[in-house]
Amino acid sequence: MKLRSFCVAVVAILVGLSLGSGPAWGAVGCELNDPDRDVPRLFPESTRFKTVGIDIQKLGGDKVMARVETKLRDKLHGLYETIDVPYTVYVLYANDKKIGYIHGVTQKGRYAGINIFLVLDLDARIKRFYIQRMTGAYAGKFREAEFEKQFVGLTVADFEQYEVVTGKATGKVSEIKNPAPEADHDFKRIMRGTKKNLILVNEILSISPELSLKNAASQK
C-alpha cells in the first residue's frame, strides 16, 4: 500500500512538472482553428489558399527581431515573442491570382494569450480584423463588428502613430475606441498586438522569397 501511494505521488509530481513547464519546451505560434472554414469566411473573394510556414531564424534571426523591436518601440519578450516562434501565413487566391494574406500573432493579455488575425490585401492593408481567442467576461465586446471595422483600411504606417508603451496615438489609429473601458489593459494589448502583427507581416513579406511583396505586386 505504501509502495502504491509512493508511485501515485511520483506520477502526480511528474505530470505536474510536465504541465507546469510545458510552454517552455517550445515557442507558441498562432494558427487558424479551422482554415478550411475560416479562410472563406474571413476573405470570401478567395477560392483557395496555401499555408507558408515562416522561421524567423532562417530569414535573418536577431537582425529581423531587432528591426521589429525598433519599429514597435518596445522590447519583445515572453512566450509569444521569442525568436523561435513559428509563424504561418495564409496566402489567398482567386483561382490562380494571388489576392491577399491572413496572418496571426498571439499577444499576452491580462488572463491569457489573445489571438489577433489580420486579413490583408496585397499592399498589407487591413481588410478584416479578427480575434480568434480571448479570455475575459468582456471578450465578446472586442469581437463585435463595430470594434473590428475600426481597423479596416489601416496599414503599418498608420500604426507608427501608436505608442505601445503609453497607449497614446495620433492620426487614424487615435479614432479606434475601446468597447470595454473596464478592460483598458487588454485594449492596449490588442493595439500592441495589431501593431506587432503588421510589423511582422511586412518584414516577412519583404524578406521571404516565397512571399515577396514585389512578387505579389506583379500578380495584381
C-alpha atoms as a PDB file:
ATOM      1  CA  MET A   1       0.000   0.000   0.000  1.00  0.00           C
ATOM      2  CA  LYS A   2       2.852   2.329   0.855  1.00  0.00           C
ATOM      3  CA  LEU A   3       4.608   1.485  -2.416  1.00  0.00           C
ATOM      4  CA  ARG A   4       1.441   2.197  -4.374  1.00  0.00           C
ATOM      5  CA  SER A   5       0.989   5.545  -2.636  1.00  0.00           C
ATOM      6  CA  PHE A   6       4.600   6.422  -3.391  1.00  0.00           C
ATOM      7  CA  CYS A   7       4.172   5.570  -7.076  1.00  0.00           C
ATOM      8  CA  VAL A   8       0.976   7.620  -7.336  1.00  0.00           C
ATOM      9  CA  ALA A   9       2.729  10.569  -5.722  1.00  0.00           C
ATOM     10  CA  VAL A  10       5.666  10.320  -8.135  1.00  0.00           C
ATOM     11  CA  VAL A  11       3.357  10.171 -11.150  1.00  0.00           C
ATOM     12  CA  ALA A  12       1.418  13.171  -9.888  1.00  0.00           C
ATOM     13  CA  ILE A  13       4.623  15.156  -9.445  1.00  0.00           C
ATOM     14  CA  LEU A  14       5.872  14.254 -12.934  1.00  0.00           C
ATOM     15  CA  VAL A  15       2.548  15.185 -14.522  1.00  0.00           C
ATOM     16  CA  GLY A  16       2.516  18.449 -12.622  1.00  0.00           C
ATOM     17  CA  LEU A  17       6.032  19.269 -13.733  1.00  0.00           C
ATOM     18  CA  SER A  18       5.249  18.482 -17.348  1.00  0.00           C
ATOM     19  CA  LEU A  19       2.141  20.654 -17.306  1.00  0.00           C
ATOM     20  CA  GLY A  20       3.857  23.457 -15.487  1.00  0.00           C
ATOM     21  CA  SER A  21       6.911  23.552 -17.694  1.00  0.00           C
ATOM     22  CA  GLY A  22       5.236  22.597 -20.975  1.00  0.00           C
ATOM     23  CA  PRO A  23       5.215  26.060 -22.573  1.00  0.00           C
ATOM     24  CA  ALA A  24       8.961  26.373 -22.041  1.00  0.00           C
ATOM     25  CA  TRP A  25       9.575  23.332 -24.247  1.00  0.00           C
ATOM     26  CA  GLY A  26       8.710  25.208 -27.407  1.00  0.00           C
ATOM     27  CA  ALA A  27       7.557  28.571 -28.672  1.00  0.00           C
ATOM     28  CA  VAL A  28       3.855  29.086 -29.306  1.00  0.00           C
ATOM     29  CA  GLY A  29       2.654  30.018 -32.778  1.00  0.00           C
ATOM     30  CA  CYS A  30      -0.740  31.266 -33.928  1.00  0.00           C
ATOM     31  CA  GLU A  31      -2.854  29.412 -36.480  1.00  0.00           C
ATOM     32  CA  LEU A  32      -6.482  29.481 -37.526  1.00  0.00           C
ATOM     33  CA  ASN A  33      -8.528  26.842 -35.714  1.00  0.00           C
ATOM     34  CA  ASP A  34     -10.099  25.575 -38.930  1.00  0.00           C
ATOM     35  CA  PRO A  35      -8.532  27.159 -42.042  1.00  0.00           C
ATOM     36  CA  ASP A  36     -10.885  25.406 -44.476  1.00  0.00           C
ATOM     37  CA  ARG A  37     -13.810  27.042 -42.696  1.00  0.00           C
ATOM     38  CA  ASP A  38     -12.188  30.287 -41.520  1.00  0.00           C
ATOM     39  CA  VAL A  39     -10.450  31.451 -44.702  1.00  0.00           C
ATOM     40  CA  PRO A  40     -13.626  31.612 -46.870  1.00  0.00           C
ATOM     41  CA  ARG A  41     -15.442  33.350 -44.024  1.00  0.00           C
ATOM     42  CA  LEU A  42     -12.717  35.943 -43.493  1.00  0.00           C
ATOM     43  CA  PHE A  43     -11.928  36.531 -47.188  1.00  0.00           C
ATOM     44  CA  PRO A  44     -14.991  35.497 -49.251  1.00  0.00           C
ATOM     45  CA  GLU A  45     -13.322  36.575 -52.502  1.00  0.00           C
ATOM     46  CA  SER A  46     -10.772  33.778 -52.165  1.00  0.00           C
ATOM     47  CA  THR A  47     -11.298  30.449 -53.896  1.00  0.00           C
ATOM     48  CA  ARG A  48      -8.301  28.659 -52.417  1.00  0.00           C
ATOM     49  CA  PHE A  49      -5.320  29.212 -50.156  1.00  0.00           C
ATOM     50  CA  LYS A  50      -1.963  27.776 -49.237  1.00  0.00           C
ATOM     51  CA  THR A  51      -0.083  27.953 -45.948  1.00  0.00           C
ATOM     52  CA  VAL A  52       3.518  29.082 -45.726  1.00  0.00           C
ATOM     53  CA  GLY A  53       5.466  28.419 -42.535  1.00  0.00           C
ATOM     54  CA  ILE A  54       7.930  31.122 -41.560  1.00  0.00           C
ATOM     55  CA  ASP A  55      11.071  30.600 -39.483  1.00  0.00           C
ATOM     56  CA  ILE A  56      12.483  33.996 -38.463  1.00  0.00           C
ATOM     57  CA  GLN A  57      15.812  32.414 -37.533  1.00  0.00           C
ATOM     58  CA  LYS A  58      16.293  31.304 -41.142  1.00  0.00           C
ATOM     59  CA  LEU A  59      15.274  34.691 -42.549  1.00  0.00           C
ATOM     60  CA  GLY A  60      17.653  36.851 -40.571  1.00  0.00           C
ATOM     61  CA  GLY A  61      17.223  35.918 -36.938  1.00  0.00           C
ATOM     62  CA  ASP A  62      18.396  38.554 -34.463  1.00  0.00           C
ATOM     63  CA  LYS A  63      18.618  41.256 -37.138  1.00  0.00           C
ATOM     64  CA  VAL A  64      14.959  40.789 -38.009  1.00  0.00           C
ATOM     65  CA  MET A  65      13.916  40.776 -34.351  1.00  0.00           C
ATOM     66  CA  ALA A  66      15.942  43.951 -33.746  1.00  0.00           C
ATOM     67  CA  ARG A  67      14.153  45.699 -36.617  1.00  0.00           C
ATOM     68  CA  VAL A  68      10.781  44.601 -35.247  1.00  0.00           C
ATOM     69  CA  GLU A  69      11.647  45.940 -31.783  1.00  0.00           C
ATOM     70  CA  THR A  70      12.814  49.247 -33.253  1.00  0.00           C
ATOM     71  CA  LYS A  71       9.590  49.699 -35.213  1.00  0.00           C
ATOM     72  CA  LEU A  72       7.441  48.506 -32.313  1.00  0.00           C
ATOM     73  CA  ARG A  73       9.332  50.802 -29.951  1.00  0.00           C
ATOM     74  CA  ASP A  74       9.140  48.148 -27.288  1.00  0.00           C
ATOM     75  CA  LYS A  75      11.050  45.032 -26.283  1.00  0.00           C
ATOM     76  CA  LEU A  76       9.892  41.619 -27.473  1.00  0.00           C
ATOM     77  CA  HIS A  77       9.602  39.285 -24.519  1.00  0.00           C
ATOM     78  CA  GLY A  78       7.706  36.324 -23.151  1.00  0.00           C
ATOM     79  CA  LEU A  79       6.428  33.063 -24.535  1.00  0.00           C
ATOM     80  CA  TYR A  80       4.739  34.541 -27.623  1.00  0.00           C
ATOM     81  CA  GLU A  81       7.629  36.734 -28.805  1.00  0.00           C
ATOM     82  CA  THR A  82      10.747  34.592 -28.823  1.00  0.00           C
ATOM     83  CA  ILE A  83      12.893  34.239 -31.925  1.00  0.00           C
ATOM     84  CA  ASP A  84      11.773  30.640 -32.439  1.00  0.00           C
ATOM     85  CA  VAL A  85       8.037  31.379 -32.572  1.00  0.00           C
ATOM     86  CA  PRO A  86       6.684  29.712 -35.741  1.00  0.00           C
ATOM     87  CA  TYR A  87       4.586  31.983 -37.958  1.00  0.00           C
ATOM     88  CA  THR A  88       2.025  30.861 -40.508  1.00  0.00           C
ATOM     89  CA  VAL A  89       0.963  32.998 -43.460  1.00  0.00           C
ATOM     90  CA  TYR A  90      -2.189  32.002 -45.317  1.00  0.00           C
ATOM     91  CA  VAL A  91      -1.742  33.071 -48.932  1.00  0.00           C
ATOM     92  CA  LEU A  92      -5.099  33.653 -50.616  1.00  0.00           C
ATOM     93  CA  TYR A  93      -6.007  33.214 -54.262  1.00  0.00           C
ATOM     94  CA  ALA A  94      -8.922  33.867 -56.559  1.00  0.00           C
ATOM     95  CA  ASN A  95      -8.367  30.976 -58.932  1.00  0.00           C
ATOM     96  CA  ASP A  96      -4.679  31.444 -59.880  1.00  0.00           C
ATOM     97  CA  LYS A  97      -4.379  35.101 -58.881  1.00  0.00           C
ATOM     98  CA  LYS A  98      -2.896  35.982 -55.506  1.00  0.00           C
ATOM     99  CA  ILE A  99      -5.225  38.423 -53.751  1.00  0.00           C
ATOM    100  CA  GLY A 100      -4.169  38.643 -50.119  1.00  0.00           C
ATOM    101  CA  TYR A 101      -2.920  37.179 -46.887  1.00  0.00           C
ATOM    102  CA  ILE A 102      -4.062  36.207 -43.420  1.00  0.00           C
ATOM    103  CA  HIS A 103      -1.577  36.346 -40.581  1.00  0.00           C
ATOM    104  CA  GLY A 104      -1.996  35.930 -36.850  1.00  0.00           C
ATOM    105  CA  VAL A 105       0.004  36.639 -33.705  1.00  0.00           C
ATOM    106  CA  THR A 106      -0.583  35.884 -30.063  1.00  0.00           C
ATOM    107  CA  GLN A 107      -0.357  38.792 -27.649  1.00  0.00           C
ATOM    108  CA  LYS A 108      -0.232  38.285 -23.903  1.00  0.00           C
ATOM    109  CA  GLY A 109      -3.399  39.658 -22.307  1.00  0.00           C
ATOM    110  CA  ARG A 110      -4.427  40.063 -18.692  1.00  0.00           C
ATOM    111  CA  TYR A 111      -5.601  36.487 -18.309  1.00  0.00           C
ATOM    112  CA  ALA A 112      -4.172  34.585 -21.270  1.00  0.00           C
ATOM    113  CA  GLY A 113      -2.911  34.918 -24.814  1.00  0.00           C
ATOM    114  CA  ILE A 114      -5.043  36.849 -27.324  1.00  0.00           C
ATOM    115  CA  ASN A 115      -5.057  35.546 -30.920  1.00  0.00           C
ATOM    116  CA  ILE A 116      -5.128  38.527 -33.291  1.00  0.00           C
ATOM    117  CA  PHE A 117      -5.576  37.807 -37.003  1.00  0.00           C
ATOM    118  CA  LEU A 118      -5.341  40.351 -39.787  1.00  0.00           C
ATOM    119  CA  VAL A 119      -6.779  39.787 -43.239  1.00  0.00           C
ATOM    120  CA  LEU A 120      -4.636  41.827 -45.632  1.00  0.00           C
ATOM    121  CA  ASP A 121      -4.686  42.815 -49.266  1.00  0.00           C
ATOM    122  CA  LEU A 122      -1.539  42.689 -51.404  1.00  0.00           C
ATOM    123  CA  ASP A 123      -0.454  46.076 -50.057  1.00  0.00           C
ATOM    124  CA  ALA A 124      -0.630  44.720 -46.478  1.00  0.00           C
ATOM    125  CA  ARG A 125      -3.647  46.927 -45.761  1.00  0.00           C
ATOM    126  CA  ILE A 126      -6.175  45.546 -43.290  1.00  0.00           C
ATOM    127  CA  LYS A 127      -9.353  44.207 -44.884  1.00  0.00           C
ATOM    128  CA  ARG A 128     -10.616  42.373 -41.809  1.00  0.00           C
ATOM    129  CA  PHE A 129      -9.653  42.268 -38.134  1.00  0.00           C
ATOM    130  CA  TYR A 130     -10.399  39.081 -36.226  1.00  0.00           C
ATOM    131  CA  ILE A 131      -9.823  37.991 -32.630  1.00  0.00           C
ATOM    132  CA  GLN A 132      -9.914  34.215 -32.559  1.00  0.00           C
ATOM    133  CA  ARG A 133      -9.257  33.639 -28.878  1.00  0.00           C
ATOM    134  CA  MET A 134      -9.530  35.911 -25.854  1.00  0.00           C
ATOM    135  CA  THR A 135     -10.318  35.276 -22.207  1.00  0.00           C
ATOM    136  CA  GLY A 136     -12.443  37.550 -20.016  1.00  0.00           C
ATOM    137  CA  ALA A 137     -16.049  38.493 -19.378  1.00  0.00           C
ATOM    138  CA  TYR A 138     -15.750  41.399 -21.821  1.00  0.00           C
ATOM    139  CA  ALA A 139     -14.052  39.398 -24.628  1.00  0.00           C
ATOM    140  CA  GLY A 140     -17.228  39.411 -26.711  1.00  0.00           C
ATOM    141  CA  LYS A 141     -17.136  43.196 -26.963  1.00  0.00           C
ATOM    142  CA  PHE A 142     -13.785  43.012 -28.720  1.00  0.00           C
ATOM    143  CA  ARG A 143     -15.256  40.581 -31.251  1.00  0.00           C
ATOM    144  CA  GLU A 144     -18.188  42.797 -32.193  1.00  0.00           C
ATOM    145  CA  ALA A 145     -18.345  44.129 -35.748  1.00  0.00           C
ATOM    146  CA  GLU A 146     -18.362  47.743 -34.542  1.00  0.00           C
ATOM    147  CA  PHE A 147     -14.936  47.271 -32.991  1.00  0.00           C
ATOM    148  CA  GLU A 148     -13.476  45.166 -35.795  1.00  0.00           C
ATOM    149  CA  LYS A 149     -14.409  47.573 -38.575  1.00  0.00           C
ATOM    150  CA  GLN A 150     -12.388  50.381 -36.994  1.00  0.00           C
ATOM    151  CA  PHE A 151      -9.217  48.620 -38.178  1.00  0.00           C
ATOM    152  CA  VAL A 152     -10.263  48.248 -41.809  1.00  0.00           C
ATOM    153  CA  GLY A 153      -8.060  50.192 -44.209  1.00  0.00           C
ATOM    154  CA  LEU A 154      -5.209  50.757 -41.765  1.00  0.00           C
ATOM    155  CA  THR A 155      -1.580  49.926 -42.510  1.00  0.00           C
ATOM    156  CA  VAL A 156       1.680  49.656 -40.626  1.00  0.00           C
ATOM    157  CA  ALA A 157       2.284  53.321 -41.469  1.00  0.00           C
ATOM    158  CA  ASP A 158      -0.878  54.277 -39.581  1.00  0.00           C
ATOM    159  CA  PHE A 159       0.223  52.270 -36.540  1.00  0.00           C
ATOM    160  CA  GLU A 160       3.541  54.101 -36.448  1.00  0.00           C
ATOM    161  CA  GLN A 161       1.462  56.794 -34.744  1.00  0.00           C
ATOM    162  CA  TYR A 162       0.597  54.439 -31.862  1.00  0.00           C
ATOM    163  CA  GLU A 163       2.894  54.227 -28.829  1.00  0.00           C
ATOM    164  CA  VAL A 164       2.558  50.714 -27.438  1.00  0.00           C
ATOM    165  CA  VAL A 165       4.090  51.594 -24.054  1.00  0.00           C
ATOM    166  CA  THR A 166       1.879  54.589 -23.221  1.00  0.00           C
ATOM    167  CA  GLY A 167      -1.152  53.806 -25.376  1.00  0.00           C
ATOM    168  CA  LYS A 168      -1.049  57.290 -26.888  1.00  0.00           C
ATOM    169  CA  ALA A 169      -2.000  57.681 -30.538  1.00  0.00           C
ATOM    170  CA  THR A 170      -2.414  60.272 -33.260  1.00  0.00           C
ATOM    171  CA  GLY A 171      -3.877  60.082 -36.743  1.00  0.00           C
ATOM    172  CA  LYS A 172      -6.326  57.389 -37.803  1.00  0.00           C
ATOM    173  CA  VAL A 173      -5.349  54.984 -35.029  1.00  0.00           C
ATOM    174  CA  SER A 174      -6.473  57.503 -32.410  1.00  0.00           C
ATOM    175  CA  GLU A 175     -10.026  57.060 -33.714  1.00  0.00           C
ATOM    176  CA  ILE A 176     -10.161  53.409 -32.559  1.00  0.00           C
ATOM    177  CA  LYS A 177     -12.404  53.325 -29.498  1.00  0.00           C
ATOM    178  CA  ASN A 178     -12.200  50.869 -26.633  1.00  0.00           C
ATOM    179  CA  PRO A 179     -15.543  48.984 -26.455  1.00  0.00           C
ATOM    180  CA  ALA A 180     -14.879  47.916 -22.856  1.00  0.00           C
ATOM    181  CA  PRO A 181     -13.384  50.761 -20.771  1.00  0.00           C
ATOM    182  CA  GLU A 182     -13.151  48.392 -17.809  1.00  0.00           C
ATOM    183  CA  ALA A 183     -10.707  46.314 -19.873  1.00  0.00           C
ATOM    184  CA  ASP A 184      -8.254  49.070 -20.770  1.00  0.00           C
ATOM    185  CA  HIS A 185      -5.275  46.770 -20.168  1.00  0.00           C
ATOM    186  CA  ASP A 186      -6.448  44.265 -22.760  1.00  0.00           C
ATOM    187  CA  PHE A 187      -7.432  47.026 -25.189  1.00  0.00           C
ATOM    188  CA  LYS A 188      -3.851  48.292 -25.102  1.00  0.00           C
ATOM    189  CA  ARG A 189      -2.591  44.716 -25.501  1.00  0.00           C
ATOM    190  CA  ILE A 190      -4.794  44.274 -28.572  1.00  0.00           C
ATOM    191  CA  MET A 191      -3.481  47.503 -30.056  1.00  0.00           C
ATOM    192  CA  ARG A 192       0.098  46.435 -29.368  1.00  0.00           C
ATOM    193  CA  GLY A 193      -0.574  43.011 -30.890  1.00  0.00           C
ATOM    194  CA  THR A 194      -2.057  44.580 -34.005  1.00  0.00           C
ATOM    195  CA  LYS A 195       0.948  46.837 -34.494  1.00  0.00           C
ATOM    196  CA  LYS A 196       3.279  43.895 -33.881  1.00  0.00           C
ATOM    197  CA  ASN A 197       1.330  41.816 -36.397  1.00  0.00           C
ATOM    198  CA  LEU A 198       1.581  44.487 -39.089  1.00  0.00           C
ATOM    199  CA  ILE A 199       5.297  44.978 -38.492  1.00  0.00           C
ATOM    200  CA  LEU A 200       5.977  41.251 -38.585  1.00  0.00           C
ATOM    201  CA  VAL A 201       3.943  40.571 -41.692  1.00  0.00           C
ATOM    202  CA  ASN A 202       5.606  43.451 -43.551  1.00  0.00           C
ATOM    203  CA  GLU A 203       9.012  42.118 -42.534  1.00  0.00           C
ATOM    204  CA  ILE A 204       8.057  38.618 -43.621  1.00  0.00           C
ATOM    205  CA  LEU A 205       6.660  39.784 -46.945  1.00  0.00           C
ATOM    206  CA  SER A 206       9.793  41.799 -47.660  1.00  0.00           C
ATOM    207  CA  ILE A 207      12.348  39.083 -46.873  1.00  0.00           C
ATOM    208  CA  SER A 208      10.652  35.787 -47.683  1.00  0.00           C
ATOM    209  CA  PRO A 209      11.419  34.722 -51.272  1.00  0.00           C
ATOM    210  CA  GLU A 210       8.080  32.937 -51.496  1.00  0.00           C
ATOM    211  CA  LEU A 211       6.026  35.859 -50.154  1.00  0.00           C
ATOM    212  CA  SER A 212       7.868  38.866 -51.544  1.00  0.00           C
ATOM    213  CA  LEU A 213       5.726  41.980 -51.930  1.00  0.00           C
ATOM    214  CA  LYS A 214       7.415  42.523 -55.295  1.00  0.00           C
ATOM    215  CA  ASN A 215       6.140  39.154 -56.451  1.00  0.00           C
ATOM    216  CA  ALA A 216       2.706  39.990 -55.070  1.00  0.00           C
ATOM    217  CA  ALA A 217       2.593  43.283 -56.925  1.00  0.00           C
ATOM    218  CA  SER A 218       3.363  41.553 -60.218  1.00  0.00           C
ATOM    219  CA  GLN A 219       0.320  39.317 -59.715  1.00  0.00           C
ATOM    220  CA  LYS A 220      -2.257  42.086 -59.240  1.00  0.00           C
END
